């Protein structure tokens, strides 16, 4: 909220500031409204305000049938916001979800006096996981991978330093956050405390004598480190339907942990022309100090996940430039828009670092009986124009421990998903 009020005050003060800097009014055009992809308000050379809208509605069907809180139709995202610049060296973004529970999404200010060293402060996503950091409107699939959804931190309050070197060939970001993100919380359970996070990405192959297309391969690595207070704060396992599979189908149960939480991530991204290949490996280790039934230390709690995904724009648009600008949009130019085929395979697993004694499903088990979810996702994306996209996904999940599936004894599940998206 403080950042929002700061932005409002600056916007109200901008005309007065402009008048003082230019009494004759010759160099400042005053307040103008421009209509492009989205409405944009210009306050002379002092500030720019771009208005944003994001709406996503999902139709869902499951086989066998599973009851979900969202039901068969869910207005998944209803967001409004503003973004832009002010006083030349400051960028900002304020985005709010139209709901009562945790409505504020990204609320931050970025200071960019130096391109290679910028400072960002407010509420935003911790720099971890390519899939998690991809904007929801730009995803190749309706839902992010299970690993990115469950093992990455998500948003929190913090401050980071970031920038690019070597002609934008190397990007870095690192900073300190109040907690370890909203994805680790369970109701009023805040999860881990103060968190340090860092991420580095780049295209190192462009320094080698390789074909030009291979030089565009981007590699990256990231980590977070935080301290988790004692309690049932271990990360949970969920399916696409958000039904629990670990440690137990009961959504209120989690593994007891205490100590350091360490996240590690490695990522790959390659977008040659109309094709794209993306992949990640994410690893989370929670210490369990004094969490045994007799107060003894237990082997660490491990969560690991990975995915490999590919997409092909059959209408020929460049993936790097984005498919939201079709060569011939629909229906204004009577073209097909942009059509893309996508496929992803992924796995996520939960267990313990060591296996002393008999494996058990208990929240304080020394040898945790592991469980995993293997997922195939097949998708078709239809970009009508710069504002509208329709996605079709078929998802097949296989649960390793069928006794902990939403339907005991059932290990295979199908989901049919359709998303309607409007973004401005």
Foldseek 3Di string as FASTA:
>chain_A
DVLVVVVVVQVVCLLVVVCVVPVVCPQFPAWDWDDDLFIWIDGGPFKIKTKKWKWKKKAKAKVVGDDFPCPRIHRPFTKIWIWIAGPVFKTWIWMFTPDDPPTTAGGWMKGPPDQAKIKIFFKFFFPDDPQLPDDCVLDPANDTDQCSQFVAAGIFGWMKIWHADDVNFKIKIKTKGQARHDNQDDVPRRWFGIKIKMKMKGQVCLVDPDPPQSSQKMKMKMKMKTWGAWDQRATFGADPSRQGLPLFSPPVGHATFGTMKMKIKIKIWGWDFQKIKIKMKIKIWTWHQLLAPRRHTAFIKIKIKMKIKMKGFPQGGGVVVHQQAAPQAPPPRPDQRIKMKMKMKMKMKIWGPDAPDDADSDSSDRGHDMKMKIKIKIKMWGNRHNFKIKMWIKMKIFIPQQCRDPDRPDGIMIMTMMMIMGID
